Amino acid sequence: MDGVDANPFTREKLTEDVLNEWQNLLNETAEILGVPAGLITRVDGRKIEILLSSETEGNPYPAACTSQYPDSGWYCEYTLKSRGLNLIPNALKDPKWENNSAAVELNIISYLGFPIERPDGRQFGTVCFLDNKQNAHNEMHIRLVQQIKRMIELSLRIVLSKEEIEIRDRLIDDLSKIYPICSYCKKVREETGEWVPVEKYVRDISGAEASHGICPQCYEREMKQLS
């Protein structure tokens, strides 16, 4: 199932400025919609967590709360499985949700949410807004939350692009250095002082694996020695 893989977008990778922007989005949108809770959830392996929770009065969902995934029982899990809009006007009137713990124990009976995709097309989590009263929302509310979904997905692309640029810059910086190489065995001396095979040195700075072969000149020399 999608979403069971490890999520590369950790809290640390998202950085404080990105998380602050998302937090503001949740707070302001929850206020506009007049609901007590707005959430951004994140799926990582077999866990789903509340990454961020709106700072609104009456919100029963604390940030960093986690559950198993799948089979969490959360409204958000159904959103991830459906891969589209999930709108529940009143869970108590819906046979699928009338016995759900969110509805029965927390009195959170209305849900509006969308899945969030990572740049590779896999699932990041959801953005959703929940109410303690019946709320069918309207087309404008749905478009607003869908736009927030797109903004979050754009943020993920920017985070990934920034990381790729930093990796490229480090690679260019490393490759532009003059490095000591043994004239005999061709090992390279790293900054630690350790001498390592040139293949390892290149792999460490670029991530590329060497594919060994033989150049025409060496082939000709070796064949002469064998004859």
Protein backbone atom coordinates (compact mmCIF):
# COMPACT_ATOMS: atom_id res chain seq x y z
CA MET A 1 0.00 0.00 0.00
CA ASP A 2 1.10 3.57 -0.71
CA GLY A 3 2.28 5.46 2.34
CA VAL A 4 3.97 2.54 4.05
CA ASP A 5 7.42 3.63 2.85
CA ALA A 6 9.63 5.89 4.93
CA ASN A 7 8.82 9.58 4.47
CA PRO A 8 12.01 11.51 3.60
CA PHE A 9 10.44 14.81 4.68
CA THR A 10 11.28 14.76 8.37
CA ARG A 11 10.49 17.64 10.71
CA GLU A 12 14.16 18.62 10.59
CA LYS A 13 14.26 18.66 6.78
CA LEU A 14 11.13 20.80 6.58
CA THR A 15 12.88 23.50 8.66
CA GLU A 16 11.35 25.93 11.11
CA ASP A 17 10.39 28.59 8.56
CA VAL A 18 8.37 26.11 6.47
CA LEU A 19 6.60 24.71 9.53
CA ASN A 20 5.81 28.23 10.77
CA GLU A 21 4.22 29.10 7.41
CA TRP A 22 2.11 25.95 7.52
CA GLN A 23 1.11 26.67 11.11
CA ASN A 24 -0.10 30.13 10.14
CA LEU A 25 -2.09 28.64 7.27
CA LEU A 26 -3.83 26.24 9.65
CA ASN A 27 -4.57 28.92 12.23
CA GLU A 28 -5.99 31.44 9.76
CA THR A 29 -8.00 28.92 7.73
CA ALA A 30 -9.55 27.34 10.83
CA GLU A 31 -10.62 30.84 11.87
CA ILE A 32 -12.05 31.61 8.42
CA LEU A 33 -13.98 28.31 8.34
CA GLY A 34 -15.14 28.76 11.92
CA VAL A 35 -13.97 25.31 13.04
CA PRO A 36 -12.05 24.29 16.17
CA ALA A 37 -9.37 22.19 14.48
CA GLY A 38 -7.09 22.26 11.47
CA LEU A 39 -4.43 19.58 11.02
CA ILE A 40 -1.53 18.63 8.80
CA THR A 41 -0.75 14.95 9.19
CA ARG A 42 2.31 13.04 8.02
CA VAL A 43 2.65 9.35 7.17
CA ASP A 44 5.99 7.70 7.86
CA GLY A 45 6.30 3.96 7.43
CA ARG A 46 3.62 2.34 9.54
CA LYS A 47 2.89 5.46 11.55
CA ILE A 48 0.66 8.46 10.99
CA GLU A 49 1.24 11.57 13.08
CA ILE A 50 -0.26 15.00 13.58
CA LEU A 51 2.61 17.11 12.30
CA LEU A 52 0.89 20.41 13.03
CA SER A 53 -2.36 21.33 14.78
CA SER A 54 -4.13 24.69 14.65
CA GLU A 55 -3.83 26.91 17.70
CA THR A 56 -7.58 27.38 17.97
CA GLU A 57 -9.97 27.24 20.90
CA GLY A 58 -11.56 23.85 21.40
CA ASN A 59 -9.03 21.91 19.35
CA PRO A 60 -8.81 18.42 20.91
CA TYR A 61 -5.89 17.26 18.76
CA PRO A 62 -2.36 17.85 20.10
CA ALA A 63 0.54 18.06 17.69
CA ALA A 64 2.87 15.03 17.67
CA CYS A 65 0.00 12.63 18.42
CA THR A 66 0.59 9.36 16.53
CA SER A 67 -1.24 6.19 15.58
CA GLN A 68 -0.50 3.00 13.66
CA TYR A 69 -0.90 3.10 9.89
CA PRO A 70 -2.86 1.61 8.33
CA ASP A 71 -5.82 0.80 10.60
CA SER A 72 -5.53 4.02 12.58
CA GLY A 73 -9.25 4.66 12.47
CA TRP A 74 -8.57 8.32 11.64
CA TYR A 75 -10.69 10.21 9.13
CA CYS A 76 -7.37 11.11 7.46
CA GLU A 77 -6.58 7.50 6.64
CA TYR A 78 -9.68 7.29 4.48
CA THR A 79 -8.59 10.54 2.79
CA LEU A 80 -5.23 8.98 1.94
CA LYS A 81 -6.85 5.83 0.59
CA SER A 82 -9.36 7.77 -1.52
CA ARG A 83 -6.59 10.07 -2.86
CA GLY A 84 -9.09 12.91 -3.14
CA LEU A 85 -11.58 15.08 -1.30
CA ASN A 86 -13.04 13.57 1.86
CA LEU A 87 -16.06 15.50 3.14
CA ILE A 88 -18.07 14.21 6.10
CA PRO A 89 -20.87 16.65 7.02
CA ASN A 90 -22.01 14.66 10.09
CA ALA A 91 -20.27 11.45 11.11
CA LEU A 92 -23.11 10.58 13.51
CA LYS A 93 -25.46 10.30 10.54
CA ASP A 94 -23.04 8.26 8.45
CA PRO A 95 -23.00 4.47 9.06
CA LYS A 96 -19.32 4.41 8.08
CA TRP A 97 -18.35 6.85 10.84
CA GLU A 98 -21.11 6.87 13.46
CA ASN A 99 -19.10 4.69 15.85
CA ASN A 100 -15.73 6.29 15.15
CA SER A 101 -13.87 7.39 18.28
CA ALA A 102 -13.41 10.93 16.95
CA ALA A 103 -17.17 11.32 16.67
CA VAL A 104 -18.19 9.40 19.78
CA GLU A 105 -15.44 10.37 22.23
CA LEU A 106 -14.31 13.79 21.02
CA ASN A 107 -17.57 14.98 19.43
CA ILE A 108 -15.68 15.84 16.22
CA ILE A 109 -18.37 15.01 13.72
CA SER A 110 -17.51 17.01 10.60
CA TYR A 111 -14.41 16.61 8.44
CA LEU A 112 -13.05 18.27 5.31
CA GLY A 113 -9.67 17.08 4.03
CA PHE A 114 -7.39 16.44 1.08
CA PRO A 115 -4.34 14.16 0.68
CA ILE A 116 -0.91 15.78 0.28
CA GLU A 117 1.51 14.24 -2.22
CA ARG A 118 5.29 14.30 -2.16
CA PRO A 119 7.18 15.40 -5.29
CA ASP A 120 7.70 11.72 -6.21
CA GLY A 121 3.95 11.12 -6.22
CA ARG A 122 3.91 9.16 -2.97
CA GLN A 123 1.86 10.20 0.02
CA PHE A 124 3.05 12.79 2.50
CA GLY A 125 -0.09 13.02 4.61
CA THR A 126 -3.22 15.20 4.71
CA VAL A 127 -4.50 18.68 5.41
CA CYS A 128 -7.90 18.77 7.05
CA PHE A 129 -10.33 20.86 9.08
CA LEU A 130 -12.70 19.39 11.65
CA ASP A 131 -15.82 20.66 13.39
CA ASN A 132 -17.79 19.72 16.48
CA LYS A 133 -21.09 20.48 14.75
CA GLN A 134 -22.68 19.43 11.49
CA ASN A 135 -20.93 21.23 8.66
CA ALA A 136 -21.36 20.43 4.98
CA HIS A 137 -19.11 23.37 4.03
CA ASN A 138 -19.57 24.99 0.63
CA GLU A 139 -17.75 25.09 -2.68
CA MET A 140 -15.65 28.07 -1.62
CA HIS A 141 -14.46 26.25 1.54
CA ILE A 142 -13.53 23.20 -0.52
CA ARG A 143 -11.56 25.28 -3.03
CA LEU A 144 -9.77 27.08 -0.19
CA VAL A 145 -8.60 23.84 1.43
CA GLN A 146 -7.62 22.43 -1.96
CA GLN A 147 -5.50 25.52 -2.57
CA ILE A 148 -3.77 25.01 0.80
CA LYS A 149 -3.02 21.42 -0.23
CA ARG A 150 -1.35 22.74 -3.39
CA MET A 151 0.64 25.33 -1.45
CA ILE A 152 1.96 22.63 0.89
CA GLU A 153 2.90 20.42 -2.07
CA LEU A 154 4.71 23.37 -3.65
CA SER A 155 6.61 23.88 -0.38
CA LEU A 156 7.72 20.25 -0.49
CA ARG A 157 9.04 20.71 -4.03
CA ILE A 158 10.96 23.80 -2.96
CA VAL A 159 12.46 21.95 0.02
CA LEU A 160 13.55 19.11 -2.28
CA SER A 161 14.99 21.49 -4.89
CA LYS A 162 16.92 23.35 -2.22
CA GLU A 163 18.40 20.09 -0.94
CA GLU A 164 19.40 19.04 -4.48
CA ILE A 165 21.09 22.40 -5.07
CA GLU A 166 23.01 22.09 -1.79
CA ILE A 167 24.18 18.58 -2.75
CA ARG A 168 25.27 19.84 -6.19
CA ASP A 169 27.14 22.77 -4.66
CA ARG A 170 28.94 20.50 -2.20
CA LEU A 171 29.87 18.15 -5.05
CA ILE A 172 31.24 20.99 -7.18
CA ASP A 173 33.15 22.35 -4.19
CA ASP A 174 34.65 18.94 -3.40
CA LEU A 175 35.55 18.21 -7.01
CA SER A 176 37.21 21.60 -7.40
CA LYS A 177 39.64 20.91 -4.56
CA ILE A 178 43.20 19.75 -5.15
CA TYR A 179 43.45 16.41 -3.40
CA PRO A 180 46.54 14.25 -2.75
CA ILE A 181 46.60 10.99 -4.66
CA CYS A 182 49.22 8.24 -4.36
CA SER A 183 51.37 7.97 -7.50
CA TYR A 184 51.56 4.18 -7.10
CA CYS A 185 48.30 2.76 -5.76
CA LYS A 186 46.14 5.79 -6.70
CA LYS A 187 44.52 5.99 -3.28
CA VAL A 188 43.29 9.44 -2.21
CA ARG A 189 44.04 11.02 1.15
CA GLU A 190 40.88 12.34 2.82
CA GLU A 191 40.73 15.28 5.25
CA THR A 192 40.88 12.76 8.11
CA GLY A 193 44.29 11.64 6.86
CA GLU A 194 43.02 8.23 5.83
CA TRP A 195 44.03 6.90 2.40
CA VAL A 196 41.03 5.41 0.57
CA PRO A 197 40.47 3.96 -2.91
CA VAL A 198 39.62 6.63 -5.46
CA GLU A 199 36.30 4.87 -6.10
CA LYS A 200 35.30 5.38 -2.46
CA TYR A 201 36.40 9.01 -2.53
CA VAL A 202 34.25 9.77 -5.57
CA ARG A 203 31.32 7.78 -4.18
CA ASP A 204 31.40 9.68 -0.87
CA ILE A 205 31.22 13.09 -2.51
CA SER A 206 28.91 12.30 -5.42
CA GLY A 207 26.95 9.18 -4.50
CA ALA A 208 27.99 7.61 -7.84
CA GLU A 209 29.15 4.00 -7.96
CA ALA A 210 32.19 3.15 -10.09
CA SER A 211 31.81 0.69 -12.96
CA HIS A 212 35.17 -0.94 -13.63
CA GLY A 213 36.44 -1.62 -17.11
CA ILE A 214 39.70 -1.38 -19.06
CA CYS A 215 40.77 1.40 -21.39
CA PRO A 216 42.21 0.58 -24.85
CA GLN A 217 45.76 1.54 -23.86
CA CYS A 218 45.77 -0.67 -20.76
CA TYR A 219 44.15 -3.50 -22.70
CA GLU A 220 46.88 -3.35 -25.33
CA ARG A 221 49.64 -3.25 -22.69
CA GLU A 222 48.21 -6.20 -20.78
CA MET A 223 47.81 -8.26 -23.93
CA LYS A 224 51.45 -7.63 -24.84
CA GLN A 225 52.56 -8.78 -21.42
CA LEU A 226 50.52 -11.98 -21.76
CA SER A 227 51.87 -12.81 -25.22
